[in-house]
Amino acid sequence: MDTTKLLGRNIRFHLFRTELTLRDVAESAGISPYSLGRMASGKTKLIDPNTLTDLMRVFKCDANALLLPIDGVPYDN
């Protein structure tokens, strides 16, 4: 699976887990909801490392939780 698609699925999982909206996370991370929406849909190819750091802070997780498959999460298209 493509890294950006994996990141997108994991962002959607963490949105569900934390019960935050895309807009709430975007505001807390300091990025636009449009940009976060593109990341969550797997449509962006370049991801800023600072954005990853901000998402880790908002979701209270490490980089592995955003970039690697999570047990129990389906990754089928």
PDB file of N, CA and C in Angstrom:
ATOM      1  N   MET A   1       0.845  -1.182   0.000  1.00  0.00           N
ATOM      2  CA  MET A   1       0.000   0.000   0.000  1.00  0.00           C
ATOM      3  C   MET A   1       0.884   1.237   0.000  1.00  0.00           C
ATOM      4  N   ASP A   2       0.479   2.219  -0.740  1.00  0.00           N
ATOM      5  CA  ASP A   2       1.168   3.505  -0.846  1.00  0.00           C
ATOM      6  C   ASP A   2       1.190   4.192   0.530  1.00  0.00           C
ATOM      7  N   THR A   3       2.312   4.818   0.857  1.00  0.00           N
ATOM      8  CA  THR A   3       2.462   5.475   2.162  1.00  0.00           C
ATOM      9  C   THR A   3       1.414   6.565   2.384  1.00  0.00           C
ATOM     10  N   THR A   4       1.109   7.325   1.332  1.00  0.00           N
ATOM     11  CA  THR A   4       0.128   8.399   1.521  1.00  0.00           C
ATOM     12  C   THR A   4      -1.273   7.837   1.765  1.00  0.00           C
ATOM     13  N   LYS A   5      -1.598   6.711   1.140  1.00  0.00           N
ATOM     14  CA  LYS A   5      -2.904   6.078   1.381  1.00  0.00           C
ATOM     15  C   LYS A   5      -2.944   5.497   2.796  1.00  0.00           C
ATOM     16  N   LEU A   6      -1.834   4.925   3.236  1.00  0.00           N
ATOM     17  CA  LEU A   6      -1.742   4.386   4.587  1.00  0.00           C
ATOM     18  C   LEU A   6      -1.891   5.516   5.616  1.00  0.00           C
ATOM     19  N   LEU A   7      -1.204   6.626   5.386  1.00  0.00           N
ATOM     20  CA  LEU A   7      -1.327   7.782   6.277  1.00  0.00           C
ATOM     21  C   LEU A   7      -2.759   8.283   6.297  1.00  0.00           C
ATOM     22  N   GLY A   8      -3.382   8.359   5.129  1.00  0.00           N
ATOM     23  CA  GLY A   8      -4.769   8.819   5.060  1.00  0.00           C
ATOM     24  C   GLY A   8      -5.702   7.943   5.864  1.00  0.00           C
ATOM     25  N   ARG A   9      -5.537   6.633   5.743  1.00  0.00           N
ATOM     26  CA  ARG A   9      -6.394   5.703   6.503  1.00  0.00           C
ATOM     27  C   ARG A   9      -6.142   5.850   7.993  1.00  0.00           C
ATOM     28  N   ASN A  10      -4.880   6.022   8.368  1.00  0.00           N
ATOM     29  CA  ASN A  10      -4.565   6.171   9.785  1.00  0.00           C
ATOM     30  C   ASN A  10      -5.079   7.493  10.349  1.00  0.00           C
ATOM     31  N   ILE A  11      -5.064   8.553   9.542  1.00  0.00           N
ATOM     32  CA  ILE A  11      -5.647   9.823   9.991  1.00  0.00           C
ATOM     33  C   ILE A  11      -7.135   9.635  10.248  1.00  0.00           C
ATOM     34  N   ARG A  12      -7.821   8.968   9.322  1.00  0.00           N
ATOM     35  CA  ARG A  12      -9.260   8.733   9.515  1.00  0.00           C
ATOM     36  C   ARG A  12      -9.508   7.860  10.749  1.00  0.00           C
ATOM     37  N   PHE A  13      -8.642   6.876  11.005  1.00  0.00           N
ATOM     38  CA  PHE A  13      -8.781   6.050  12.205  1.00  0.00           C
ATOM     39  C   PHE A  13      -8.633   6.903  13.470  1.00  0.00           C
ATOM     40  N   HIS A  14      -7.622   7.776  13.491  1.00  0.00           N
ATOM     41  CA  HIS A  14      -7.400   8.602  14.678  1.00  0.00           C
ATOM     42  C   HIS A  14      -8.504   9.648  14.854  1.00  0.00           C
ATOM     43  N   LEU A  15      -9.073  10.122  13.759  1.00  0.00           N
ATOM     44  CA  LEU A  15     -10.246  11.003  13.881  1.00  0.00           C
ATOM     45  C   LEU A  15     -11.386  10.265  14.569  1.00  0.00           C
ATOM     46  N   PHE A  16     -11.601   9.020  14.178  1.00  0.00           N
ATOM     47  CA  PHE A  16     -12.644   8.197  14.801  1.00  0.00           C
ATOM     48  C   PHE A  16     -12.320   7.921  16.268  1.00  0.00           C
ATOM     49  N   ARG A  17     -11.067   7.547  16.531  1.00  0.00           N
ATOM     50  CA  ARG A  17     -10.640   7.180  17.888  1.00  0.00           C
ATOM     51  C   ARG A  17     -10.762   8.351  18.858  1.00  0.00           C
ATOM     52  N   THR A  18     -10.390   9.543  18.406  1.00  0.00           N
ATOM     53  CA  THR A  18     -10.408  10.704  19.295  1.00  0.00           C
ATOM     54  C   THR A  18     -11.737  11.453  19.270  1.00  0.00           C
ATOM     55  N   GLU A  19     -12.627  11.072  18.338  1.00  0.00           N
ATOM     56  CA  GLU A  19     -13.918  11.733  18.165  1.00  0.00           C
ATOM     57  C   GLU A  19     -13.776  13.221  17.863  1.00  0.00           C
ATOM     58  N   LEU A  20     -12.685  13.579  17.169  1.00  0.00           N
ATOM     59  CA  LEU A  20     -12.482  14.947  16.726  1.00  0.00           C
ATOM     60  C   LEU A  20     -12.923  15.070  15.275  1.00  0.00           C
ATOM     61  N   THR A  21     -13.278  16.270  14.881  1.00  0.00           N
ATOM     62  CA  THR A  21     -13.628  16.498  13.477  1.00  0.00           C
ATOM     63  C   THR A  21     -12.359  16.886  12.719  1.00  0.00           C
ATOM     64  N   LEU A  22     -12.444  16.782  11.418  1.00  0.00           N
ATOM     65  CA  LEU A  22     -11.329  17.175  10.569  1.00  0.00           C
ATOM     66  C   LEU A  22     -10.979  18.642  10.807  1.00  0.00           C
ATOM     67  N   ARG A  23     -11.988  19.459  10.953  1.00  0.00           N
ATOM     68  CA  ARG A  23     -11.778  20.893  11.192  1.00  0.00           C
ATOM     69  C   ARG A  23     -11.096  21.142  12.537  1.00  0.00           C
ATOM     70  N   ASP A  24     -11.499  20.409  13.585  1.00  0.00           N
ATOM     71  CA  ASP A  24     -10.870  20.563  14.905  1.00  0.00           C
ATOM     72  C   ASP A  24      -9.387  20.223  14.845  1.00  0.00           C
ATOM     73  N   VAL A  25      -9.067  19.116  14.192  1.00  0.00           N
ATOM     74  CA  VAL A  25      -7.670  18.684  14.091  1.00  0.00           C
ATOM     75  C   VAL A  25      -6.870  19.683  13.264  1.00  0.00           C
ATOM     76  N   ALA A  26      -7.443  20.157  12.170  1.00  0.00           N
ATOM     77  CA  ALA A  26      -6.742  21.127  11.319  1.00  0.00           C
ATOM     78  C   ALA A  26      -6.432  22.402  12.096  1.00  0.00           C
ATOM     79  N   GLU A  27      -7.387  22.887  12.854  1.00  0.00           N
ATOM     80  CA  GLU A  27      -7.159  24.096  13.660  1.00  0.00           C
ATOM     81  C   GLU A  27      -6.074  23.860  14.695  1.00  0.00           C
ATOM     82  N   SER A  28      -6.131  22.723  15.379  1.00  0.00           N
ATOM     83  CA  SER A  28      -5.141  22.419  16.412  1.00  0.00           C
ATOM     84  C   SER A  28      -3.749  22.217  15.823  1.00  0.00           C
ATOM     85  N   ALA A  29      -3.681  21.654  14.625  1.00  0.00           N
ATOM     86  CA  ALA A  29      -2.397  21.394  13.977  1.00  0.00           C
ATOM     87  C   ALA A  29      -1.875  22.611  13.220  1.00  0.00           C
ATOM     88  N   GLY A  30      -2.727  23.609  13.016  1.00  0.00           N
ATOM     89  CA  GLY A  30      -2.303  24.808  12.319  1.00  0.00           C
ATOM     90  C   GLY A  30      -2.213  24.652  10.806  1.00  0.00           C
ATOM     91  N   ILE A  31      -3.038  23.767  10.249  1.00  0.00           N
ATOM     92  CA  ILE A  31      -3.081  23.604   8.799  1.00  0.00           C
ATOM     93  C   ILE A  31      -4.517  23.817   8.327  1.00  0.00           C
ATOM     94  N   SER A  32      -4.690  23.971   7.040  1.00  0.00           N
ATOM     95  CA  SER A  32      -6.036  24.212   6.536  1.00  0.00           C
ATOM     96  C   SER A  32      -6.835  22.910   6.499  1.00  0.00           C
ATOM     97  N   PRO A  33      -8.145  22.986   6.728  1.00  0.00           N
ATOM     98  CA  PRO A  33      -8.981  21.783   6.638  1.00  0.00           C
ATOM     99  C   PRO A  33      -8.905  21.144   5.254  1.00  0.00           C
ATOM    100  N   TYR A  34      -8.739  21.966   4.219  1.00  0.00           N
ATOM    101  CA  TYR A  34      -8.613  21.444   2.859  1.00  0.00           C
ATOM    102  C   TYR A  34      -7.372  20.559   2.728  1.00  0.00           C
ATOM    103  N   SER A  35      -6.237  21.030   3.251  1.00  0.00           N
ATOM    104  CA  SER A  35      -4.993  20.259   3.183  1.00  0.00           C
ATOM    105  C   SER A  35      -5.110  18.962   3.974  1.00  0.00           C
ATOM    106  N   LEU A  36      -5.692  19.036   5.165  1.00  0.00           N
ATOM    107  CA  LEU A  36      -5.862  17.830   5.970  1.00  0.00           C
ATOM    108  C   LEU A  36      -6.830  16.866   5.296  1.00  0.00           C
ATOM    109  N   GLY A  37      -7.853  17.390   4.665  1.00  0.00           N
ATOM    110  CA  GLY A  37      -8.793  16.542   3.936  1.00  0.00           C
ATOM    111  C   GLY A  37      -8.116  15.804   2.800  1.00  0.00           C
ATOM    112  N   ARG A  38      -7.218  16.481   2.082  1.00  0.00           N
ATOM    113  CA  ARG A  38      -6.472  15.821   1.008  1.00  0.00           C
ATOM    114  C   ARG A  38      -5.547  14.747   1.568  1.00  0.00           C
ATOM    115  N   MET A  39      -4.949  15.018   2.723  1.00  0.00           N
ATOM    116  CA  MET A  39      -4.086  14.006   3.351  1.00  0.00           C
ATOM    117  C   MET A  39      -4.919  12.806   3.787  1.00  0.00           C
ATOM    118  N   ALA A  40      -6.080  13.067   4.381  1.00  0.00           N
ATOM    119  CA  ALA A  40      -6.937  11.990   4.872  1.00  0.00           C
ATOM    120  C   ALA A  40      -7.517  11.154   3.736  1.00  0.00           C
ATOM    121  N   SER A  41      -7.627  11.740   2.550  1.00  0.00           N
ATOM    122  CA  SER A  41      -8.153  10.985   1.413  1.00  0.00           C
ATOM    123  C   SER A  41      -7.040  10.318   0.615  1.00  0.00           C
ATOM    124  N   GLY A  42      -5.782  10.551   1.003  1.00  0.00           N
ATOM    125  CA  GLY A  42      -4.651   9.936   0.325  1.00  0.00           C
ATOM    126  C   GLY A  42      -4.320  10.572  -1.006  1.00  0.00           C
ATOM    127  N   LYS A  43      -4.750  11.821  -1.224  1.00  0.00           N
ATOM    128  CA  LYS A  43      -4.549  12.482  -2.517  1.00  0.00           C
ATOM    129  C   LYS A  43      -3.306  13.361  -2.575  1.00  0.00           C
ATOM    130  N   THR A  44      -2.610  13.505  -1.491  1.00  0.00           N
ATOM    131  CA  THR A  44      -1.405  14.325  -1.509  1.00  0.00           C
ATOM    132  C   THR A  44      -0.181  13.423  -1.587  1.00  0.00           C
ATOM    133  N   LYS A  45       0.814  13.853  -2.310  1.00  0.00           N
ATOM    134  CA  LYS A  45       2.016  13.038  -2.479  1.00  0.00           C
ATOM    135  C   LYS A  45       3.169  13.497  -1.600  1.00  0.00           C
ATOM    136  N   LEU A  46       3.220  14.775  -1.285  1.00  0.00           N
ATOM    137  CA  LEU A  46       4.288  15.311  -0.451  1.00  0.00           C
ATOM    138  C   LEU A  46       3.716  15.703   0.904  1.00  0.00           C
ATOM    139  N   ILE A  47       4.352  15.212   1.950  1.00  0.00           N
ATOM    140  CA  ILE A  47       3.863  15.486   3.299  1.00  0.00           C
ATOM    141  C   ILE A  47       4.982  16.155   4.091  1.00  0.00           C
ATOM    142  N   ASP A  48       4.687  17.322   4.618  1.00  0.00           N
ATOM    143  CA  ASP A  48       5.651  18.085   5.393  1.00  0.00           C
ATOM    144  C   ASP A  48       5.905  17.389   6.731  1.00  0.00           C
ATOM    145  N   PRO A  49       7.174  17.169   7.085  1.00  0.00           N
ATOM    146  CA  PRO A  49       7.480  16.534   8.377  1.00  0.00           C
ATOM    147  C   PRO A  49       6.920  17.318   9.569  1.00  0.00           C
ATOM    148  N   ASN A  50       6.863  18.644   9.450  1.00  0.00           N
ATOM    149  CA  ASN A  50       6.298  19.446  10.546  1.00  0.00           C
ATOM    150  C   ASN A  50       4.803  19.167  10.712  1.00  0.00           C
ATOM    151  N   THR A  51       4.120  18.901   9.612  1.00  0.00           N
ATOM    152  CA  THR A  51       2.696  18.551   9.685  1.00  0.00           C
ATOM    153  C   THR A  51       2.527  17.224  10.402  1.00  0.00           C
ATOM    154  N   LEU A  52       3.397  16.262  10.102  1.00  0.00           N
ATOM    155  CA  LEU A  52       3.343  14.978  10.814  1.00  0.00           C
ATOM    156  C   LEU A  52       3.547  15.186  12.313  1.00  0.00           C
ATOM    157  N   THR A  53       4.505  16.023  12.660  1.00  0.00           N
ATOM    158  CA  THR A  53       4.772  16.319  14.074  1.00  0.00           C
ATOM    159  C   THR A  53       3.545  16.940  14.733  1.00  0.00           C
ATOM    160  N   ASP A  54       2.890  17.870  14.033  1.00  0.00           N
ATOM    161  CA  ASP A  54       1.691  18.499  14.575  1.00  0.00           C
ATOM    162  C   ASP A  54       0.557  17.484  14.741  1.00  0.00           C
ATOM    163  N   LEU A  55       0.401  16.579  13.773  1.00  0.00           N
ATOM    164  CA  LEU A  55      -0.639  15.548  13.886  1.00  0.00           C
ATOM    165  C   LEU A  55      -0.348  14.601  15.045  1.00  0.00           C
ATOM    166  N   MET A  56       0.918  14.265  15.250  1.00  0.00           N
ATOM    167  CA  MET A  56       1.280  13.397  16.384  1.00  0.00           C
ATOM    168  C   MET A  56       0.917  14.083  17.698  1.00  0.00           C
ATOM    169  N   ARG A  57       1.139  15.393  17.771  1.00  0.00           N
ATOM    170  CA  ARG A  57       0.800  16.141  18.990  1.00  0.00           C
ATOM    171  C   ARG A  57      -0.704  16.152  19.215  1.00  0.00           C
ATOM    172  N   VAL A  58      -1.478  16.418  18.171  1.00  0.00           N
ATOM    173  CA  VAL A  58      -2.931  16.507  18.304  1.00  0.00           C
ATOM    174  C   VAL A  58      -3.537  15.142  18.640  1.00  0.00           C
ATOM    175  N   PHE A  59      -3.063  14.087  17.948  1.00  0.00           N
ATOM    176  CA  PHE A  59      -3.611  12.751  18.173  1.00  0.00           C
ATOM    177  C   PHE A  59      -2.977  12.037  19.367  1.00  0.00           C
ATOM    178  N   LYS A  60      -1.933  12.655  19.956  1.00  0.00           N
ATOM    179  CA  LYS A  60      -1.213  12.059  21.091  1.00  0.00           C
ATOM    180  C   LYS A  60      -0.724  10.649  20.741  1.00  0.00           C
ATOM    181  N   CYS A  61       0.022  10.581  19.635  1.00  0.00           N
ATOM    182  CA  CYS A  61       0.560   9.301  19.182  1.00  0.00           C
ATOM    183  C   CYS A  61       1.963   9.524  18.640  1.00  0.00           C
ATOM    184  N   ASP A  62       2.628   8.430  18.261  1.00  0.00           N
ATOM    185  CA  ASP A  62       3.956   8.548  17.668  1.00  0.00           C
ATOM    186  C   ASP A  62       3.871   8.400  16.154  1.00  0.00           C
ATOM    187  N   ALA A  63       4.998   8.547  15.491  1.00  0.00           N
ATOM    188  CA  ALA A  63       5.029   8.484  14.025  1.00  0.00           C
ATOM    189  C   ALA A  63       4.596   7.117  13.516  1.00  0.00           C
ATOM    190  N   ASN A  64       4.927   6.057  14.253  1.00  0.00           N
ATOM    191  CA  ASN A  64       4.530   4.713  13.830  1.00  0.00           C
ATOM    192  C   ASN A  64       3.017   4.578  13.729  1.00  0.00           C
ATOM    193  N   ALA A  65       2.300   5.244  14.613  1.00  0.00           N
ATOM    194  CA  ALA A  65       0.835   5.158  14.598  1.00  0.00           C
ATOM    195  C   ALA A  65       0.241   5.860  13.385  1.00  0.00           C
ATOM    196  N   LEU A  66       1.005   6.747  12.758  1.00  0.00           N
ATOM    197  CA  LEU A  66       0.516   7.427  11.561  1.00  0.00           C
ATOM    198  C   LEU A  66       1.034   6.794  10.274  1.00  0.00           C
ATOM    199  N   LEU A  67       2.228   6.224  10.315  1.00  0.00           N
ATOM    200  CA  LEU A  67       2.870   5.771   9.082  1.00  0.00           C
ATOM    201  C   LEU A  67       2.896   4.264   8.870  1.00  0.00           C
ATOM    202  N   LEU A  68       2.593   3.492   9.897  1.00  0.00           N
ATOM    203  CA  LEU A  68       2.607   2.032   9.779  1.00  0.00           C
ATOM    204  C   LEU A  68       1.196   1.479   9.965  1.00  0.00           C
ATOM    205  N   PRO A  69       0.928   0.290   9.417  1.00  0.00           N
ATOM    206  CA  PRO A  69      -0.400  -0.313   9.606  1.00  0.00           C
ATOM    207  C   PRO A  69      -0.702  -0.539  11.094  1.00  0.00           C
ATOM    208  N   ILE A  70      -1.952  -0.331  11.446  1.00  0.00           N
ATOM    209  CA  ILE A  70      -2.417  -0.521  12.825  1.00  0.00           C
ATOM    210  C   ILE A  70      -3.193  -1.829  12.881  1.00  0.00           C
ATOM    211  N   ASP A  71      -2.892  -2.665  13.867  1.00  0.00           N
ATOM    212  CA  ASP A  71      -3.599  -3.948  14.023  1.00  0.00           C
ATOM    213  C   ASP A  71      -5.097  -3.703  14.179  1.00  0.00           C
ATOM    214  N   GLY A  72      -5.888  -4.460  13.447  1.00  0.00           N
ATOM    215  CA  GLY A  72      -7.339  -4.382  13.549  1.00  0.00           C
ATOM    216  C   GLY A  72      -7.981  -3.349  12.651  1.00  0.00           C
ATOM    217  N   VAL A  73      -7.190  -2.555  11.940  1.00  0.00           N
ATOM    218  CA  VAL A  73      -7.737  -1.530  11.037  1.00  0.00           C
ATOM    219  C   VAL A  73      -7.721  -2.092   9.617  1.00  0.00           C
ATOM    220  N   PRO A  74      -8.864  -2.146   8.944  1.00  0.00           N
ATOM    221  CA  PRO A  74      -8.874  -2.664   7.561  1.00  0.00           C
ATOM    222  C   PRO A  74      -8.272  -1.635   6.600  1.00  0.00           C
ATOM    223  N   TYR A  75      -7.430  -2.121   5.714  1.00  0.00           N
ATOM    224  CA  TYR A  75      -6.794  -1.243   4.737  1.00  0.00           C
ATOM    225  C   TYR A  75      -7.201  -1.580   3.315  1.00  0.00           C
ATOM    226  N   ASP A  76      -8.337  -2.235   3.150  1.00  0.00           N
ATOM    227  CA  ASP A  76      -8.830  -2.542   1.809  1.00  0.00           C
ATOM    228  C   ASP A  76      -9.382  -1.280   1.191  1.00  0.00           C
ATOM    229  N   ASN A  77      -9.336  -1.210  -0.132  1.00  0.00           N
ATOM    230  CA  ASN A  77      -9.880  -0.032  -0.830  1.00  0.00           C
ATOM    231  C   ASN A  77     -11.327  -0.098  -0.898  1.00  0.00           C
TER     232      ASN A  77
END
